[in-house]
Amino acid sequence: MEYVVRTPEQLGQVLKSCRQQRGLTQSDVGSRVGIQQSRISQIELHGAPATIETLYKLLSALGLALVLRDKTMPPGGKREW
């Protein structure tokens, strides 16, 4: 599944949805990444600021990847670097 996220709040909702789909609690995810459950809650509910390192840890714990796409290219479009 691919998600387009434009705001911190949307990111929080996607993280929450993916966590729930995987049957994980906020405490489960927090234990995997070394942050408190209350911090997971803040990120999910309010799009609370998180460091890039924390974001990558959360994505990894949930089996997600960060993909950047040029807004001018159609989904699935590829650009050679």
N, C-alpha and C. Protein backbone atom coordinates (compact mmCIF):
# COMPACT_ATOMS: atom_id res chain seq x y z
N MET A 1 0.85 -1.17 0.00
CA MET A 1 0.00 0.00 0.00
C MET A 1 0.89 1.24 0.00
N GLU A 2 0.48 2.24 -0.71
CA GLU A 2 1.23 3.49 -0.78
C GLU A 2 0.37 4.60 -0.19
N TYR A 3 0.98 5.44 0.65
CA TYR A 3 0.28 6.54 1.29
C TYR A 3 0.94 7.85 0.88
N VAL A 4 0.14 8.84 0.57
CA VAL A 4 0.66 10.18 0.32
C VAL A 4 0.41 10.97 1.60
N VAL A 5 1.50 11.48 2.17
CA VAL A 5 1.44 12.19 3.44
C VAL A 5 1.94 13.61 3.21
N ARG A 6 1.09 14.57 3.55
CA ARG A 6 1.46 15.98 3.33
C ARG A 6 1.61 16.79 4.61
N THR A 7 1.16 16.23 5.73
CA THR A 7 1.25 16.96 7.00
C THR A 7 1.71 16.01 8.11
N PRO A 8 2.25 16.55 9.20
CA PRO A 8 2.61 15.70 10.34
C PRO A 8 1.41 14.94 10.89
N GLU A 9 0.25 15.56 10.88
CA GLU A 9 -0.95 14.90 11.39
C GLU A 9 -1.30 13.68 10.53
N GLN A 10 -1.20 13.83 9.21
CA GLN A 10 -1.47 12.70 8.32
C GLN A 10 -0.47 11.57 8.56
N LEU A 11 0.79 11.93 8.77
CA LEU A 11 1.81 10.93 9.04
C LEU A 11 1.45 10.17 10.32
N GLY A 12 1.04 10.88 11.34
CA GLY A 12 0.65 10.24 12.59
C GLY A 12 -0.48 9.25 12.39
N GLN A 13 -1.47 9.62 11.58
CA GLN A 13 -2.61 8.74 11.32
C GLN A 13 -2.19 7.49 10.53
N VAL A 14 -1.29 7.66 9.58
CA VAL A 14 -0.80 6.52 8.81
C VAL A 14 -0.03 5.57 9.72
N LEU A 15 0.84 6.12 10.56
CA LEU A 15 1.60 5.29 11.49
C LEU A 15 0.67 4.52 12.41
N LYS A 16 -0.35 5.19 12.92
CA LYS A 16 -1.32 4.55 13.81
C LYS A 16 -2.05 3.42 13.09
N SER A 17 -2.54 3.70 11.89
CA SER A 17 -3.27 2.71 11.12
C SER A 17 -2.40 1.48 10.84
N CYS A 18 -1.17 1.70 10.43
CA CYS A 18 -0.26 0.59 10.13
C CYS A 18 0.05 -0.21 11.40
N ARG A 19 0.24 0.49 12.50
CA ARG A 19 0.50 -0.20 13.77
C ARG A 19 -0.67 -1.10 14.13
N GLN A 20 -1.87 -0.56 14.02
CA GLN A 20 -3.06 -1.33 14.38
C GLN A 20 -3.26 -2.51 13.44
N GLN A 21 -2.99 -2.32 12.14
CA GLN A 21 -3.12 -3.42 11.17
C GLN A 21 -2.17 -4.56 11.51
N ARG A 22 -1.05 -4.23 12.11
CA ARG A 22 -0.05 -5.25 12.46
C ARG A 22 -0.31 -5.84 13.85
N GLY A 23 -1.36 -5.37 14.52
CA GLY A 23 -1.71 -5.91 15.83
C GLY A 23 -0.76 -5.51 16.93
N LEU A 24 -0.11 -4.35 16.77
CA LEU A 24 0.85 -3.87 17.77
C LEU A 24 0.24 -2.77 18.62
N THR A 25 0.62 -2.73 19.88
CA THR A 25 0.23 -1.63 20.75
C THR A 25 1.27 -0.52 20.65
N GLN A 26 0.92 0.64 21.16
CA GLN A 26 1.90 1.73 21.21
C GLN A 26 3.10 1.32 22.06
N SER A 27 2.85 0.56 23.12
CA SER A 27 3.95 0.08 23.98
C SER A 27 4.86 -0.88 23.22
N ASP A 28 4.26 -1.75 22.39
CA ASP A 28 5.07 -2.67 21.58
C ASP A 28 6.03 -1.90 20.69
N VAL A 29 5.49 -0.92 19.99
CA VAL A 29 6.32 -0.13 19.07
C VAL A 29 7.36 0.67 19.84
N GLY A 30 6.94 1.27 20.94
CA GLY A 30 7.87 2.04 21.76
C GLY A 30 9.04 1.19 22.24
N SER A 31 8.75 -0.03 22.64
CA SER A 31 9.81 -0.95 23.09
C SER A 31 10.78 -1.27 21.96
N ARG A 32 10.26 -1.41 20.76
CA ARG A 32 11.11 -1.73 19.61
C ARG A 32 12.04 -0.59 19.24
N VAL A 33 11.60 0.64 19.45
CA VAL A 33 12.41 1.79 19.02
C VAL A 33 13.05 2.54 20.18
N GLY A 34 12.73 2.14 21.41
CA GLY A 34 13.36 2.75 22.58
C GLY A 34 12.78 4.10 22.97
N ILE A 35 11.49 4.28 22.74
CA ILE A 35 10.84 5.51 23.22
C ILE A 35 9.58 5.13 23.98
N GLN A 36 9.12 6.04 24.81
CA GLN A 36 7.97 5.77 25.67
C GLN A 36 6.66 5.73 24.88
N GLN A 37 5.72 4.96 25.41
CA GLN A 37 4.40 4.84 24.80
C GLN A 37 3.75 6.20 24.65
N SER A 38 3.92 7.08 25.63
CA SER A 38 3.29 8.40 25.57
C SER A 38 3.80 9.21 24.38
N ARG A 39 5.05 9.00 24.01
CA ARG A 39 5.63 9.70 22.86
C ARG A 39 5.02 9.17 21.55
N ILE A 40 4.83 7.86 21.48
CA ILE A 40 4.17 7.27 20.31
C ILE A 40 2.77 7.87 20.18
N SER A 41 2.07 7.97 21.29
CA SER A 41 0.72 8.53 21.29
C SER A 41 0.72 9.96 20.76
N GLN A 42 1.67 10.78 21.22
CA GLN A 42 1.75 12.17 20.75
C GLN A 42 1.97 12.25 19.25
N ILE A 43 2.84 11.41 18.75
CA ILE A 43 3.15 11.41 17.31
C ILE A 43 1.92 10.98 16.52
N GLU A 44 1.24 9.93 16.98
CA GLU A 44 0.07 9.42 16.26
C GLU A 44 -1.11 10.39 16.31
N LEU A 45 -1.37 10.95 17.46
CA LEU A 45 -2.58 11.77 17.63
C LEU A 45 -2.43 13.21 17.17
N HIS A 46 -1.26 13.77 17.36
CA HIS A 46 -1.10 15.20 17.11
C HIS A 46 -0.03 15.52 16.07
N GLY A 47 0.59 14.49 15.51
CA GLY A 47 1.67 14.76 14.57
C GLY A 47 2.82 15.48 15.26
N ALA A 48 3.03 15.15 16.55
CA ALA A 48 4.06 15.82 17.35
C ALA A 48 5.41 15.71 16.66
N PRO A 49 6.22 16.75 16.76
CA PRO A 49 7.54 16.72 16.13
C PRO A 49 8.37 15.52 16.58
N ALA A 50 9.07 14.93 15.65
CA ALA A 50 9.96 13.81 15.93
C ALA A 50 11.23 14.01 15.11
N THR A 51 12.33 13.53 15.63
CA THR A 51 13.57 13.63 14.88
C THR A 51 13.51 12.67 13.68
N ILE A 52 14.34 12.93 12.71
CA ILE A 52 14.42 12.03 11.55
C ILE A 52 14.81 10.63 12.02
N GLU A 53 15.72 10.56 12.97
CA GLU A 53 16.15 9.26 13.50
C GLU A 53 14.97 8.50 14.10
N THR A 54 14.15 9.18 14.89
CA THR A 54 12.98 8.54 15.48
C THR A 54 12.00 8.11 14.40
N LEU A 55 11.79 8.94 13.40
CA LEU A 55 10.89 8.59 12.31
C LEU A 55 11.37 7.32 11.60
N TYR A 56 12.65 7.24 11.29
CA TYR A 56 13.18 6.05 10.63
C TYR A 56 13.03 4.81 11.51
N LYS A 57 13.22 4.96 12.81
CA LYS A 57 13.05 3.83 13.73
C LYS A 57 11.59 3.37 13.74
N LEU A 58 10.66 4.32 13.76
CA LEU A 58 9.24 3.97 13.74
C LEU A 58 8.88 3.26 12.44
N LEU A 59 9.34 3.80 11.32
CA LEU A 59 9.07 3.18 10.03
C LEU A 59 9.61 1.75 9.99
N SER A 60 10.81 1.56 10.47
CA SER A 60 11.42 0.24 10.49
C SER A 60 10.64 -0.73 11.37
N ALA A 61 10.23 -0.27 12.54
CA ALA A 61 9.48 -1.11 13.47
C ALA A 61 8.15 -1.55 12.87
N LEU A 62 7.60 -0.74 11.98
CA LEU A 62 6.30 -1.04 11.37
C LEU A 62 6.43 -1.67 9.98
N GLY A 63 7.67 -1.92 9.54
CA GLY A 63 7.88 -2.53 8.23
C GLY A 63 7.55 -1.59 7.09
N LEU A 64 7.77 -0.30 7.29
CA LEU A 64 7.48 0.71 6.28
C LEU A 64 8.77 1.31 5.74
N ALA A 65 8.69 1.94 4.58
CA ALA A 65 9.84 2.61 3.98
C ALA A 65 9.44 4.03 3.58
N LEU A 66 10.37 4.93 3.65
CA LEU A 66 10.15 6.30 3.21
C LEU A 66 10.50 6.39 1.74
N VAL A 67 9.57 6.86 0.93
CA VAL A 67 9.78 7.00 -0.51
C VAL A 67 9.47 8.44 -0.87
N LEU A 68 10.40 9.09 -1.55
CA LEU A 68 10.20 10.46 -2.00
C LEU A 68 9.90 10.43 -3.48
N ARG A 69 8.87 11.16 -3.88
CA ARG A 69 8.46 11.17 -5.28
C ARG A 69 8.28 12.61 -5.71
N ASP A 70 8.80 12.93 -6.86
CA ASP A 70 8.61 14.24 -7.46
C ASP A 70 7.12 14.45 -7.71
N LYS A 71 6.57 15.52 -7.19
CA LYS A 71 5.14 15.77 -7.32
C LYS A 71 4.70 15.93 -8.77
N THR A 72 5.64 16.23 -9.66
CA THR A 72 5.29 16.43 -11.06
C THR A 72 5.28 15.12 -11.85
N MET A 73 5.75 14.04 -11.23
CA MET A 73 5.78 12.75 -11.91
C MET A 73 4.58 11.91 -11.49
N PRO A 74 4.04 11.13 -12.40
CA PRO A 74 2.91 10.26 -12.03
C PRO A 74 3.38 9.17 -11.08
N PRO A 75 2.48 8.63 -10.27
CA PRO A 75 2.86 7.50 -9.40
C PRO A 75 3.47 6.38 -10.22
N GLY A 76 4.53 5.80 -9.71
CA GLY A 76 5.20 4.73 -10.42
C GLY A 76 6.23 5.21 -11.42
N GLY A 77 6.24 6.55 -11.68
CA GLY A 77 7.24 7.10 -12.59
C GLY A 77 8.63 6.98 -11.97
N LYS A 78 9.61 6.71 -12.79
CA LYS A 78 10.97 6.54 -12.27
C LYS A 78 11.90 7.54 -12.93
N ARG A 79 12.82 8.00 -12.14
CA ARG A 79 13.81 8.94 -12.63
C ARG A 79 15.18 8.33 -12.37
N GLU A 80 16.04 8.35 -13.34
CA GLU A 80 17.40 7.82 -13.19
C GLU A 80 18.27 8.88 -12.54
N TRP A 81 19.10 8.47 -11.61
CA TRP A 81 20.03 9.41 -10.95
C TRP A 81 21.42 9.13 -11.38
